[in-house]
Amino acid sequence: MSQDTWNYLFIGLSFAVYIFIAIRSRAGSTKEFYTAGSGVSPFANGMATAADWMSAATFISMAGGIAAAGYDGSRFLMGWTGGFVLLTTLMVPYLRKFNKATVPDFLGDRFYSKAARLVGVVCAIFVCMVYIMGQMRGVGIVFSQLFGLEVWLGVIIGGAIVFFYAGLGGMKGITYTQVAQYCVMAFAYTIPAVYASMIITGNIVPQLGLIGSAASDGTPILEKINAINTELGFAEYTQGKLSPLNMFCITAVLMCGTAGLPHVIVRFFTVKNVRSVRISACWTLAFIAVIYLTAPAVGIFARINLIENLNEQPYAEAPAWLAQFEKTGQMTFTDKNNDGIIQYSGDADKNELAFGKDIMVMASPYMAGASPWIIGLLMAGCIAAALSTAAGLLLVLSTSISHDLMKKILKPDITDKQEVGWARMASLGALIVAVYFGINPPSDLIAKTVAFAFGLAASSFFPTLLMGIFTKRINKWGAISGMAVGITFTFAYIVYFQVGPGKGKPEQYLFGITPEGIGILGMLLNFIVSFIVSMVTAPPPKEVQDMVDSIHIPQGAGDAIDH
């Protein structure tokens, strides 16, 4: 079969499964729409959470970022995995015991204020909208490469598919769809990596191949990639280019932002109790490890294959796949010296090959000469990654508007049916905005766009949730002030340097911190403002302080104390 046939086969089968699950899992109540009825097994929820977590930024962009940045790309690995540990130890067990449907729901009750709930809704919208635009961009890139479409048309098609199964099934439909999507992603990511590892290193295990030697000449892989880079005028692959302060700030933002992401937190509200939350978290980490431990190998193997396949090769004899990527604009060759030879160089004036970092994972099996069915499987995995996270984000956006804004603040007398209707209308409105920014993204790298969302989450939700869970003294005025100051500062900094007057002016960065890492300062501002304002205003009511105490007491402890 041709490559197109394999692509259509894998993508068509996966879409059929997703749509079938969405129809079978149609939500019939607000509890099913928001939390899947809180009856999902820890194993299934672990798989669904992993799919929700491993977005287009992970599946498509992270390995590409590692391929291009080398050591500096490790900030994504350290930040996102470390943050998940914070999330599962400091946040979700306590929030699940509180037994609310959304993060703004917790904020509204913990800080006994509709204003706190409203600020939580605004923060959730900002975080999720920035995050989802990166997913829509990923969908557009995959569809563009698959079907030879313009990226904007691919974004629109992907958005329509997400709206169908997220708006129809709610959390119940999304959960079981994400289980299927994780299975697709796991096979789609690891099988091409195994193939590339066997070709380059002769080792069937990519992680062992990465620390092993090249099959062609016995040179250790890391030494080989360093030699290739320096020969072409790039910095050594294992040498960091970011300043230590900036590397720390970005990694810390990714960690703390992870622990404050509402679409990941709400996934743990779908299991029946706190014990199930902890079991589910263990499964999630195991499922995530399958992808994250493979990503560095994928990035390095892709870079080696790219250079060996194209550099110093006559353009007329270039592999056929180059023309496919040129057709969609994902790779371009500009013959600057008119010699008909492709020169890839670290010198911008001499470099003749340009490519988007987000295309490296999709191009990897082509460059390794993989079988057409492997490429088709990978394409299905790329789409699954972007759709799974986009659906989770869309649900958070819709529930924040329908439940926390409409039901809890503006229209408290609406019925369950009307509330679900508002959620679906909110999904459509949010998706239209997300599609627009997916077509016109604030950054040319998906992972970078997503990193901005982590900065917003780190500066708004993480400090407020942490203090709300572990400190009885933080009151509504402190929480509201802290969230408002943290997210406003972070958002303004990102906008100023990404699309505003500071664009392209790194010399103006505060302490040399890039927009990706500025959320750490926003987070510190949140902590400081919340603490100071709370200390100079009245403490929370006693019933609120007792509530904070209660979520720290294990279930059944009261009976033991009484006896």
Protein backbone atom coordinates (compact mmCIF):
# COMPACT_ATOMS: atom_id res chain seq x y z
CA MET A 1 0.00 0.00 0.00
CA SER A 2 1.07 3.60 -0.58
CA GLN A 3 2.05 5.96 2.22
CA ASP A 4 -1.18 7.94 1.84
CA THR A 5 -3.23 4.76 2.16
CA TRP A 6 -1.47 3.80 5.40
CA ASN A 7 -1.97 7.34 6.75
CA TYR A 8 -5.68 7.31 5.95
CA LEU A 9 -6.06 3.82 7.39
CA PHE A 10 -4.51 4.55 10.80
CA ILE A 11 -6.07 7.98 11.17
CA GLY A 12 -9.46 6.83 9.94
CA LEU A 13 -9.51 3.87 12.34
CA SER A 14 -8.43 5.99 15.30
CA PHE A 15 -11.04 8.68 14.52
CA ALA A 16 -13.74 6.03 14.20
CA VAL A 17 -12.83 4.73 17.66
CA TYR A 18 -12.86 8.22 19.19
CA ILE A 19 -16.24 9.11 17.71
CA PHE A 20 -17.74 5.73 18.67
CA ILE A 21 -16.60 6.23 22.27
CA ALA A 22 -17.96 9.80 22.32
CA ILE A 23 -21.38 8.63 21.16
CA ARG A 24 -21.48 5.70 23.58
CA SER A 25 -20.29 7.86 26.49
CA ARG A 26 -22.60 10.82 25.95
CA ALA A 27 -22.99 12.72 29.24
CA GLY A 28 -26.53 12.73 30.63
CA SER A 29 -25.98 14.86 33.75
CA THR A 30 -23.71 17.64 35.01
CA LYS A 31 -21.81 15.15 37.20
CA GLU A 32 -21.05 12.98 34.18
CA PHE A 33 -20.18 16.04 32.09
CA TYR A 34 -17.82 17.52 34.71
CA THR A 35 -16.31 14.49 36.50
CA ALA A 36 -17.47 11.38 34.56
CA GLY A 37 -19.65 10.49 37.54
CA SER A 38 -16.50 10.03 39.71
CA GLY A 39 -16.52 6.35 38.83
CA VAL A 40 -13.45 5.93 36.62
CA SER A 41 -10.98 3.21 37.68
CA PRO A 42 -7.48 4.35 38.76
CA PHE A 43 -5.87 2.40 35.89
CA ALA A 44 -8.11 3.96 33.21
CA ASN A 45 -7.79 7.40 34.77
CA GLY A 46 -3.99 7.04 34.87
CA MET A 47 -3.96 6.31 31.17
CA ALA A 48 -6.40 9.13 30.40
CA THR A 49 -4.43 11.60 32.52
CA ALA A 50 -1.23 10.65 30.73
CA ALA A 51 -2.92 11.28 27.38
CA ASP A 52 -4.31 14.60 28.65
CA TRP A 53 -0.88 15.55 29.91
CA MET A 54 1.16 14.48 26.87
CA SER A 55 0.01 17.21 24.56
CA ALA A 56 1.25 18.24 21.14
CA ALA A 57 4.02 20.08 23.00
CA THR A 58 5.27 16.75 24.35
CA PHE A 59 4.59 14.45 21.43
CA ILE A 60 5.41 16.74 18.50
CA SER A 61 7.53 19.57 19.86
CA MET A 62 9.56 18.36 22.83
CA ALA A 63 11.80 15.96 20.90
CA GLY A 64 12.16 18.61 18.19
CA GLY A 65 13.24 21.11 20.82
CA ILE A 66 15.75 18.60 22.17
CA ALA A 67 17.02 17.93 18.65
CA ALA A 68 17.64 21.65 18.10
CA ALA A 69 18.64 22.84 21.57
CA GLY A 70 20.45 19.81 22.97
CA TYR A 71 21.12 20.10 26.70
CA ASP A 72 18.84 23.14 27.06
CA GLY A 73 15.90 21.01 25.92
CA SER A 74 16.17 19.06 29.17
CA ARG A 75 14.27 21.88 30.87
CA PHE A 76 11.07 20.40 29.43
CA LEU A 77 11.87 16.91 30.71
CA MET A 78 12.86 18.06 34.21
CA GLY A 79 10.12 20.66 34.56
CA TRP A 80 7.15 18.68 33.33
CA THR A 81 7.99 15.42 35.09
CA GLY A 82 9.08 17.09 38.34
CA GLY A 83 5.93 19.17 38.33
CA PHE A 84 3.77 16.10 38.14
CA VAL A 85 5.30 14.87 41.39
CA LEU A 86 4.36 18.20 43.04
CA LEU A 87 0.86 17.91 41.66
CA THR A 88 0.25 14.39 42.95
CA THR A 89 1.75 14.93 46.40
CA LEU A 90 0.77 18.50 47.29
CA MET A 91 -2.45 19.12 45.39
CA VAL A 92 -4.78 16.47 44.07
CA PRO A 93 -5.27 14.23 47.16
CA TYR A 94 -6.48 17.23 49.17
CA LEU A 95 -8.52 18.77 46.38
CA ARG A 96 -10.21 15.42 45.70
CA LYS A 97 -11.16 15.12 49.36
CA PHE A 98 -12.73 18.56 49.14
CA ASN A 99 -15.00 16.96 46.50
CA LYS A 100 -15.59 19.84 44.09
CA ALA A 101 -15.98 19.72 40.32
CA THR A 102 -13.55 22.47 39.28
CA VAL A 103 -10.59 24.48 40.56
CA PRO A 104 -12.61 27.77 40.73
CA ASP A 105 -15.18 25.76 42.74
CA PHE A 106 -12.53 25.08 45.39
CA LEU A 107 -11.37 28.71 45.35
CA GLY A 108 -14.92 30.01 45.74
CA ASP A 109 -15.65 27.85 48.79
CA ARG A 110 -12.21 27.92 50.40
CA PHE A 111 -12.02 31.70 50.16
CA TYR A 112 -15.75 32.14 50.88
CA SER A 113 -16.19 34.61 48.04
CA LYS A 114 -17.84 34.90 44.64
CA ALA A 115 -15.07 37.32 43.74
CA ALA A 116 -12.42 34.64 44.41
CA ARG A 117 -14.41 32.23 42.25
CA LEU A 118 -14.63 34.85 39.47
CA VAL A 119 -10.88 35.54 39.58
CA GLY A 120 -10.35 31.77 39.41
CA VAL A 121 -12.56 31.59 36.30
CA VAL A 122 -10.61 34.41 34.63
CA CYS A 123 -7.28 32.73 35.44
CA ALA A 124 -8.53 29.37 34.13
CA ILE A 125 -9.61 31.01 30.87
CA PHE A 126 -6.23 32.71 30.42
CA VAL A 127 -4.22 29.55 31.21
CA CYS A 128 -6.33 27.20 29.11
CA MET A 129 -6.66 29.53 26.13
CA VAL A 130 -2.89 29.98 25.85
CA TYR A 131 -2.40 26.23 26.24
CA ILE A 132 -5.06 25.18 23.74
CA MET A 133 -3.76 27.44 20.98
CA GLY A 134 -0.55 25.39 21.00
CA GLN A 135 -2.59 22.20 20.61
CA MET A 136 -4.57 23.64 17.72
CA ARG A 137 -1.31 24.63 16.05
CA GLY A 138 -0.07 21.05 16.43
CA VAL A 139 -3.23 19.68 14.84
CA GLY A 140 -2.83 22.09 11.94
CA ILE A 141 0.79 21.09 11.32
CA VAL A 142 -0.07 17.38 11.26
CA PHE A 143 -3.05 17.79 8.94
CA SER A 144 -1.00 20.08 6.74
CA GLN A 145 1.74 17.50 6.35
CA LEU A 146 -0.65 14.59 5.89
CA PHE A 147 -3.03 16.00 3.34
CA GLY A 148 -1.02 18.80 1.75
CA LEU A 149 -3.38 21.40 3.25
CA GLU A 150 -2.62 24.88 4.46
CA VAL A 151 -1.96 24.90 8.21
CA TRP A 152 -4.97 27.16 8.84
CA LEU A 153 -7.34 24.65 7.23
CA GLY A 154 -5.84 21.82 9.29
CA VAL A 155 -6.45 23.84 12.47
CA ILE A 156 -10.12 24.32 11.56
CA ILE A 157 -10.64 20.62 10.78
CA GLY A 158 -9.01 19.59 14.05
CA GLY A 159 -11.08 22.09 16.01
CA ALA A 160 -14.31 20.70 14.57
CA ILE A 161 -13.36 17.14 15.58
CA VAL A 162 -12.46 18.20 19.13
CA PHE A 163 -15.74 20.07 19.54
CA PHE A 164 -17.71 17.03 18.43
CA TYR A 165 -16.48 14.57 21.03
CA ALA A 166 -15.65 17.01 23.86
CA GLY A 167 -18.90 18.92 23.60
CA LEU A 168 -20.96 15.75 23.22
CA GLY A 169 -19.52 13.50 25.89
CA GLY A 170 -18.03 15.94 28.43
CA MET A 171 -15.57 14.42 30.89
CA LYS A 172 -17.18 11.00 30.55
CA GLY A 173 -16.61 10.89 26.80
CA ILE A 174 -13.19 12.54 27.00
CA THR A 175 -11.91 10.08 29.62
CA TYR A 176 -12.49 6.93 27.62
CA THR A 177 -11.48 8.61 24.38
CA GLN A 178 -8.18 9.57 26.02
CA VAL A 179 -7.60 5.96 27.07
CA ALA A 180 -7.74 5.00 23.40
CA GLN A 181 -5.59 8.00 22.46
CA TYR A 182 -2.90 7.04 24.94
CA CYS A 183 -2.65 3.56 23.41
CA VAL A 184 -2.24 5.13 19.97
CA MET A 185 0.38 7.59 21.26
CA ALA A 186 2.44 5.00 23.13
CA PHE A 187 2.81 2.72 20.11
CA ALA A 188 3.18 5.62 17.68
CA TYR A 189 6.05 7.17 19.66
CA THR A 190 8.02 4.10 20.68
CA ILE A 191 7.91 1.98 17.51
CA PRO A 192 9.61 4.63 15.26
CA ALA A 193 12.13 5.24 18.06
CA VAL A 194 12.97 1.54 18.19
CA TYR A 195 13.39 1.49 14.41
CA ALA A 196 15.68 4.56 14.41
CA SER A 197 17.73 3.13 17.29
CA MET A 198 18.28 -0.15 15.44
CA ILE A 199 19.41 1.70 12.29
CA ILE A 200 21.80 4.09 14.05
CA THR A 201 23.05 2.07 17.03
CA GLY A 202 22.03 -1.53 16.36
CA ASN A 203 20.27 -1.52 19.77
CA ILE A 204 16.57 -2.32 19.96
CA VAL A 205 16.11 -0.24 23.14
CA PRO A 206 16.30 3.50 22.26
CA GLN A 207 17.40 4.56 25.76
CA LEU A 208 20.31 2.10 25.69
CA GLY A 209 21.12 3.09 22.13
CA LEU A 210 21.37 6.73 23.24
CA ILE A 211 24.13 5.92 25.73
CA GLY A 212 25.72 3.36 23.40
CA SER A 213 27.74 3.63 20.20
CA ALA A 214 26.97 4.18 16.54
CA ALA A 215 26.67 0.97 14.54
CA SER A 216 28.62 2.45 11.61
CA ASP A 217 31.89 3.40 13.32
CA GLY A 218 31.61 2.51 17.03
CA THR A 219 31.70 6.16 18.14
CA PRO A 220 29.64 6.86 21.31
CA ILE A 221 26.40 8.54 20.22
CA LEU A 222 26.82 11.62 22.42
CA GLU A 223 30.37 12.10 21.17
CA LYS A 224 29.13 11.66 17.61
CA ILE A 225 26.42 14.31 17.92
CA ASN A 226 28.87 16.72 19.60
CA ALA A 227 31.38 16.23 16.78
CA ILE A 228 28.72 16.73 14.11
CA ASN A 229 27.48 19.92 15.75
CA THR A 230 30.89 21.52 16.20
CA GLU A 231 31.96 20.55 12.68
CA LEU A 232 28.93 22.39 11.28
CA GLY A 233 29.47 25.47 13.42
CA PHE A 234 26.89 24.75 16.14
CA ALA A 235 27.58 24.60 19.87
CA GLU A 236 28.25 21.18 21.39
CA TYR A 237 25.03 19.26 21.81
CA THR A 238 25.68 18.56 25.49
CA GLN A 239 26.63 22.17 26.22
CA GLY A 240 23.96 24.51 27.60
CA LYS A 241 23.38 27.89 25.98
CA LEU A 242 20.84 29.28 28.44
CA SER A 243 22.17 31.08 31.50
CA PRO A 244 21.95 29.07 34.74
CA LEU A 245 19.40 31.57 36.13
CA ASN A 246 17.19 31.36 33.06
CA MET A 247 17.45 27.56 32.96
CA PHE A 248 16.42 27.42 36.62
CA CYS A 249 13.52 29.84 36.17
CA ILE A 250 12.06 28.05 33.15
CA THR A 251 12.38 24.63 34.79
CA ALA A 252 10.82 25.90 38.03
CA VAL A 253 7.95 27.52 36.11
CA LEU A 254 7.24 24.28 34.25
CA MET A 255 7.22 22.39 37.55
CA CYS A 256 5.00 24.79 39.50
CA GLY A 257 2.82 25.45 36.48
CA THR A 258 2.20 21.72 36.13
CA ALA A 259 0.96 21.58 39.73
CA GLY A 260 -1.46 24.41 38.95
CA LEU A 261 -2.91 23.24 35.63
CA PRO A 262 -6.70 23.03 36.02
CA HIS A 263 -7.24 20.54 33.19
CA VAL A 264 -4.85 18.03 34.83
CA ILE A 265 -6.13 18.62 38.36
CA VAL A 266 -9.73 17.99 37.35
CA ARG A 267 -8.78 14.58 35.92
CA PHE A 268 -8.31 13.30 39.47
CA PHE A 269 -11.87 14.31 40.38
CA THR A 270 -13.09 11.46 38.18
CA VAL A 271 -12.04 8.67 40.58
CA LYS A 272 -14.13 7.71 43.57
CA ASN A 273 -11.88 8.56 46.56
CA VAL A 274 -8.49 9.82 47.76
CA ARG A 275 -6.95 6.35 47.77
CA SER A 276 -7.88 5.97 44.12
CA VAL A 277 -6.26 9.35 43.43
CA ARG A 278 -2.90 8.11 44.73
CA ILE A 279 -3.10 4.82 42.81
CA SER A 280 -4.13 6.71 39.68
CA ALA A 281 -1.16 9.06 40.08
CA CYS A 282 1.25 6.11 40.17
CA TRP A 283 -0.23 4.70 36.97
CA THR A 284 -0.06 8.13 35.33
CA LEU A 285 3.64 8.52 36.10
CA ALA A 286 4.34 5.05 34.71
CA PHE A 287 2.47 5.81 31.48
CA ILE A 288 4.15 9.20 31.10
CA ALA A 289 7.58 7.62 31.58
CA VAL A 290 7.08 5.52 28.43
CA ILE A 291 7.12 8.70 26.33
CA TYR A 292 9.42 10.93 28.36
CA LEU A 293 12.24 8.41 28.61
CA THR A 294 12.09 7.95 24.86
CA ALA A 295 12.02 11.64 23.82
CA PRO A 296 15.78 12.39 24.18
CA ALA A 297 16.62 9.42 21.95
CA VAL A 298 14.06 10.51 19.36
CA GLY A 299 15.51 14.04 19.32
CA ILE A 300 19.14 12.98 18.93
CA PHE A 301 18.46 10.25 16.37
CA ALA A 302 16.37 12.70 14.32
CA ARG A 303 19.18 15.25 14.27
CA ILE A 304 21.80 12.67 13.25
CA ASN A 305 19.57 11.37 10.47
CA LEU A 306 18.75 14.86 9.22
CA ILE A 307 22.41 15.84 8.89
CA GLU A 308 23.56 12.53 7.40
CA ASN A 309 20.66 12.47 4.91
CA LEU A 310 20.83 16.06 3.70
CA ASN A 311 24.04 17.92 4.52
CA GLU A 312 26.45 18.20 1.56
CA GLN A 313 24.06 16.21 -0.61
CA PRO A 314 23.15 17.34 -4.18
CA TYR A 315 19.66 18.82 -4.06
CA ALA A 316 18.73 16.96 -7.24
CA GLU A 317 19.49 13.65 -5.47
CA ALA A 318 17.83 14.55 -2.16
CA PRO A 319 15.47 11.94 -0.61
CA ALA A 320 11.89 12.07 -1.86
CA TRP A 321 10.56 12.98 1.58
CA LEU A 322 12.28 16.38 1.45
CA ALA A 323 9.95 17.43 -1.37
CA GLN A 324 6.95 16.41 0.75
CA PHE A 325 8.03 18.67 3.60
CA GLU A 326 8.96 21.48 1.21
CA LYS A 327 5.49 21.34 -0.30
CA THR A 328 3.91 22.26 3.04
CA GLY A 329 6.63 24.76 3.97
CA GLN A 330 7.91 22.71 6.92
CA MET A 331 11.38 22.48 5.33
CA THR A 332 12.96 24.84 2.81
CA PHE A 333 16.18 24.82 0.77
CA THR A 334 17.68 28.10 -0.44
CA ASP A 335 20.70 27.64 -2.72
CA LYS A 336 22.68 30.71 -1.60
CA ASN A 337 25.86 29.89 -3.53
CA ASN A 338 24.12 28.33 -6.56
CA ASP A 339 26.11 25.10 -6.41
CA GLY A 340 23.11 22.76 -6.13
CA ILE A 341 24.48 21.28 -2.88
CA ILE A 342 22.57 21.42 0.42
CA GLN A 343 24.69 23.09 3.10
CA TYR A 344 23.41 22.94 6.69
CA SER A 345 25.49 25.23 8.90
CA GLY A 346 25.48 27.06 12.20
CA ASP A 347 26.47 30.19 10.27
CA ALA A 348 23.20 31.90 9.34
CA ASP A 349 24.77 33.51 6.27
CA LYS A 350 25.84 30.13 4.88
CA ASN A 351 23.00 27.92 6.08
CA GLU A 352 20.73 26.80 3.22
CA LEU A 353 18.38 24.43 5.04
CA ALA A 354 15.57 25.74 7.23
CA PHE A 355 12.99 23.66 9.08
CA GLY A 356 10.50 24.04 11.90
CA LYS A 357 11.50 22.32 15.14
CA ASP A 358 7.95 20.99 15.45
CA ILE A 359 8.42 18.89 12.30
CA MET A 360 11.34 16.78 13.57
CA VAL A 361 9.27 14.00 15.15
CA MET A 362 7.09 13.61 12.07
CA ALA A 363 10.14 13.66 9.80
CA SER A 364 12.13 11.19 11.91
CA PRO A 365 10.72 7.91 10.49
CA TYR A 366 11.01 9.29 6.94
CA MET A 367 14.68 10.09 7.54
CA ALA A 368 15.30 6.65 9.07
CA GLY A 369 13.72 4.92 6.06
CA ALA A 370 10.95 3.37 8.16
CA SER A 371 8.16 1.30 6.63
CA PRO A 372 5.04 3.23 5.50
CA TRP A 373 2.88 1.66 8.21
CA ILE A 374 5.21 3.03 10.92
CA ILE A 375 4.89 6.52 9.46
CA GLY A 376 1.09 6.16 9.29
CA LEU A 377 1.00 5.07 12.94
CA LEU A 378 3.15 8.04 13.98
CA MET A 379 0.84 10.48 12.19
CA ALA A 380 -2.14 9.02 14.04
CA GLY A 381 -0.22 9.44 17.30
CA CYS A 382 0.59 13.10 16.56
CA ILE A 383 -3.07 13.88 16.01
CA ALA A 384 -4.10 11.90 19.11
CA ALA A 385 -1.67 13.91 21.26
CA ALA A 386 -3.00 17.27 20.16
CA LEU A 387 -6.67 16.25 20.27
CA SER A 388 -6.49 14.61 23.72
CA THR A 389 -5.14 17.70 25.48
CA ALA A 390 -7.27 20.12 23.46
CA ALA A 391 -10.37 18.22 24.57
CA GLY A 392 -9.37 18.38 28.25
CA LEU A 393 -8.63 22.09 28.03
CA LEU A 394 -11.88 22.76 26.23
CA LEU A 395 -13.78 20.99 29.00
CA VAL A 396 -12.14 23.13 31.69
CA LEU A 397 -12.95 26.29 29.76
CA SER A 398 -16.57 25.29 29.27
CA THR A 399 -17.12 24.14 32.87
CA SER A 400 -15.49 27.27 34.29
CA ILE A 401 -17.99 29.37 32.34
CA SER A 402 -21.10 27.19 32.73
CA HIS A 403 -20.64 25.97 36.31
CA ASP A 404 -18.57 28.61 38.08
CA LEU A 405 -19.68 31.72 36.22
CA MET A 406 -23.28 30.97 35.17
CA LYS A 407 -24.49 28.51 37.83
CA LYS A 408 -22.61 29.83 40.83
CA ILE A 409 -22.60 33.58 40.10
CA LEU A 410 -24.90 34.87 37.34
CA LYS A 411 -27.79 32.38 37.01
CA PRO A 412 -27.98 30.17 40.13
CA ASP A 413 -31.51 28.97 39.25
CA ILE A 414 -30.63 27.23 35.94
CA THR A 415 -31.34 23.49 35.65
CA ASP A 416 -28.77 20.75 35.05
CA LYS A 417 -29.84 20.54 31.40
CA GLN A 418 -29.43 24.28 30.91
CA GLU A 419 -26.04 24.17 32.62
CA VAL A 420 -24.79 21.50 30.22
CA GLY A 421 -26.18 23.58 27.34
CA TRP A 422 -24.19 26.60 28.53
CA ALA A 423 -21.11 24.36 28.74
CA ARG A 424 -21.49 23.31 25.12
CA MET A 425 -22.01 26.90 23.95
CA ALA A 426 -18.93 27.96 25.93
CA SER A 427 -16.97 25.13 24.26
CA LEU A 428 -17.86 26.47 20.84
CA GLY A 429 -16.93 30.05 21.73
CA ALA A 430 -13.64 29.04 23.31
CA LEU A 431 -12.77 26.83 20.37
CA ILE A 432 -13.35 29.62 17.86
CA VAL A 433 -10.86 31.81 19.74
CA ALA A 434 -8.40 28.90 20.09
CA VAL A 435 -8.60 28.15 16.35
CA TYR A 436 -7.82 31.78 15.54
CA PHE A 437 -4.70 31.76 17.70
CA GLY A 438 -3.78 28.30 16.42
CA ILE A 439 -3.66 29.89 12.97
CA ASN A 440 -1.87 33.02 14.27
CA PRO A 441 0.23 31.70 17.20
CA PRO A 442 2.31 33.97 19.48
CA SER A 443 5.34 31.73 18.92
CA ASP A 444 6.63 29.54 16.09
CA LEU A 445 7.33 26.66 18.50
CA ILE A 446 4.45 24.73 20.08
CA ALA A 447 6.41 23.89 23.25
CA LYS A 448 7.29 27.55 23.72
CA THR A 449 3.66 28.63 23.38
CA VAL A 450 2.62 25.99 25.89
CA ALA A 451 5.38 27.12 28.27
CA PHE A 452 3.64 30.49 28.50
CA ALA A 453 0.52 28.72 29.80
CA PHE A 454 2.62 27.09 32.52
CA GLY A 455 3.91 30.52 33.52
CA LEU A 456 0.35 31.78 33.89
CA ALA A 457 -0.64 28.72 35.94
CA ALA A 458 2.45 29.01 38.16
CA SER A 459 1.79 32.68 38.88
CA SER A 460 -1.94 32.28 39.57
CA PHE A 461 -3.22 28.87 40.68
CA PHE A 462 -0.18 27.17 42.20
CA PRO A 463 0.50 29.60 45.08
CA THR A 464 -3.19 30.13 45.84
CA LEU A 465 -4.05 26.43 45.86
CA LEU A 466 -0.98 25.61 47.96
CA MET A 467 -1.77 28.27 50.54
CA GLY A 468 -5.47 27.42 50.46
CA ILE A 469 -4.72 23.79 51.30
CA PHE A 470 -1.96 24.19 53.89
CA THR A 471 -2.51 27.62 55.49
CA LYS A 472 -5.63 28.58 57.42
CA ARG A 473 -4.65 32.24 57.74
CA ILE A 474 -4.81 33.15 54.03
CA ASN A 475 -8.13 34.90 53.50
CA LYS A 476 -10.21 35.91 50.50
CA TRP A 477 -8.58 39.34 50.14
CA GLY A 478 -5.11 37.83 50.11
CA ALA A 479 -6.04 35.11 47.62
CA ILE A 480 -7.80 37.51 45.24
CA SER A 481 -4.99 40.08 45.38
CA GLY A 482 -2.26 37.48 44.95
CA MET A 483 -3.86 35.81 41.92
CA ALA A 484 -4.63 39.14 40.27
CA VAL A 485 -1.12 40.53 40.75
CA GLY A 486 0.67 37.29 39.78
CA ILE A 487 -1.17 36.58 36.55
CA THR A 488 -1.33 40.25 35.49
CA PHE A 489 2.42 40.70 35.86
CA THR A 490 3.21 37.45 34.04
CA PHE A 491 0.73 38.00 31.22
CA ALA A 492 1.87 41.59 30.66
CA TYR A 493 5.54 40.52 30.50
CA ILE A 494 4.79 37.76 27.98
CA VAL A 495 2.69 40.05 25.78
CA TYR A 496 5.27 42.86 25.92
CA PHE A 497 8.13 40.66 24.74
CA GLN A 498 6.22 38.34 22.38
CA VAL A 499 3.97 40.69 20.45
CA GLY A 500 4.57 44.12 21.99
CA PRO A 501 7.31 46.77 21.87
CA GLY A 502 9.85 44.43 23.48
CA LYS A 503 9.68 41.77 20.76
CA GLY A 504 13.19 40.92 19.57
CA LYS A 505 14.84 42.90 22.38
CA PRO A 506 16.30 40.36 24.81
CA GLU A 507 18.54 43.04 26.32
CA GLN A 508 15.41 44.40 28.02
CA TYR A 509 14.61 41.15 29.85
CA LEU A 510 14.23 41.58 33.61
CA PHE A 511 17.32 39.95 35.19
CA GLY A 512 17.83 38.26 31.80
CA ILE A 513 14.75 36.05 32.32
CA THR A 514 12.91 35.14 29.11
CA PRO A 515 9.08 35.20 28.88
CA GLU A 516 9.10 31.40 29.32
CA GLY A 517 10.58 31.75 32.82
CA ILE A 518 9.03 34.97 34.09
CA GLY A 519 6.21 33.08 35.78
CA ILE A 520 8.59 32.37 38.66
CA LEU A 521 8.60 36.07 39.57
CA GLY A 522 4.84 36.22 39.12
CA MET A 523 4.55 33.27 41.49
CA LEU A 524 6.73 34.96 44.12
CA LEU A 525 4.65 38.14 43.81
CA ASN A 526 1.51 36.06 44.36
CA PHE A 527 2.93 34.51 47.55
CA ILE A 528 4.15 37.86 48.92
CA VAL A 529 0.99 39.85 48.13
CA SER A 530 -1.31 37.09 49.43
CA PHE A 531 0.60 36.87 52.70
CA ILE A 532 0.85 40.61 53.34
CA VAL A 533 -2.79 41.36 52.46
CA SER A 534 -4.01 38.44 54.59
CA MET A 535 -1.96 39.59 57.58
CA VAL A 536 -3.45 43.10 57.58
CA THR A 537 -7.07 41.97 57.08
CA ALA A 538 -9.45 39.79 59.09
CA PRO A 539 -8.75 36.03 59.25
CA PRO A 540 -11.10 33.57 57.53
CA PRO A 541 -14.25 32.50 59.42
CA LYS A 542 -13.88 29.61 61.85
CA GLU A 543 -15.92 27.24 59.68
CA VAL A 544 -13.49 27.83 56.80
CA GLN A 545 -10.49 27.17 59.04
CA ASP A 546 -12.16 23.97 60.28
CA MET A 547 -12.73 22.95 56.67
CA VAL A 548 -9.01 23.35 55.93
CA ASP A 549 -8.21 21.18 58.95
CA SER A 550 -10.67 18.52 57.81
CA ILE A 551 -9.08 17.92 54.41
CA HIS A 552 -5.80 16.98 56.15
CA ILE A 553 -7.40 14.26 58.30
CA PRO A 554 -7.35 10.78 56.68
CA GLN A 555 -10.74 9.17 56.12
CA GLY A 556 -11.73 7.05 59.11
CA ALA A 557 -9.41 8.90 61.50
CA GLY A 558 -12.35 10.44 63.32
CA ASP A 559 -13.74 7.04 64.30
CA ALA A 560 -10.33 5.96 65.58
CA ILE A 561 -10.03 9.10 67.71
CA ASP A 562 -13.53 8.64 69.18
CA HIS A 563 -12.60 5.16 70.34
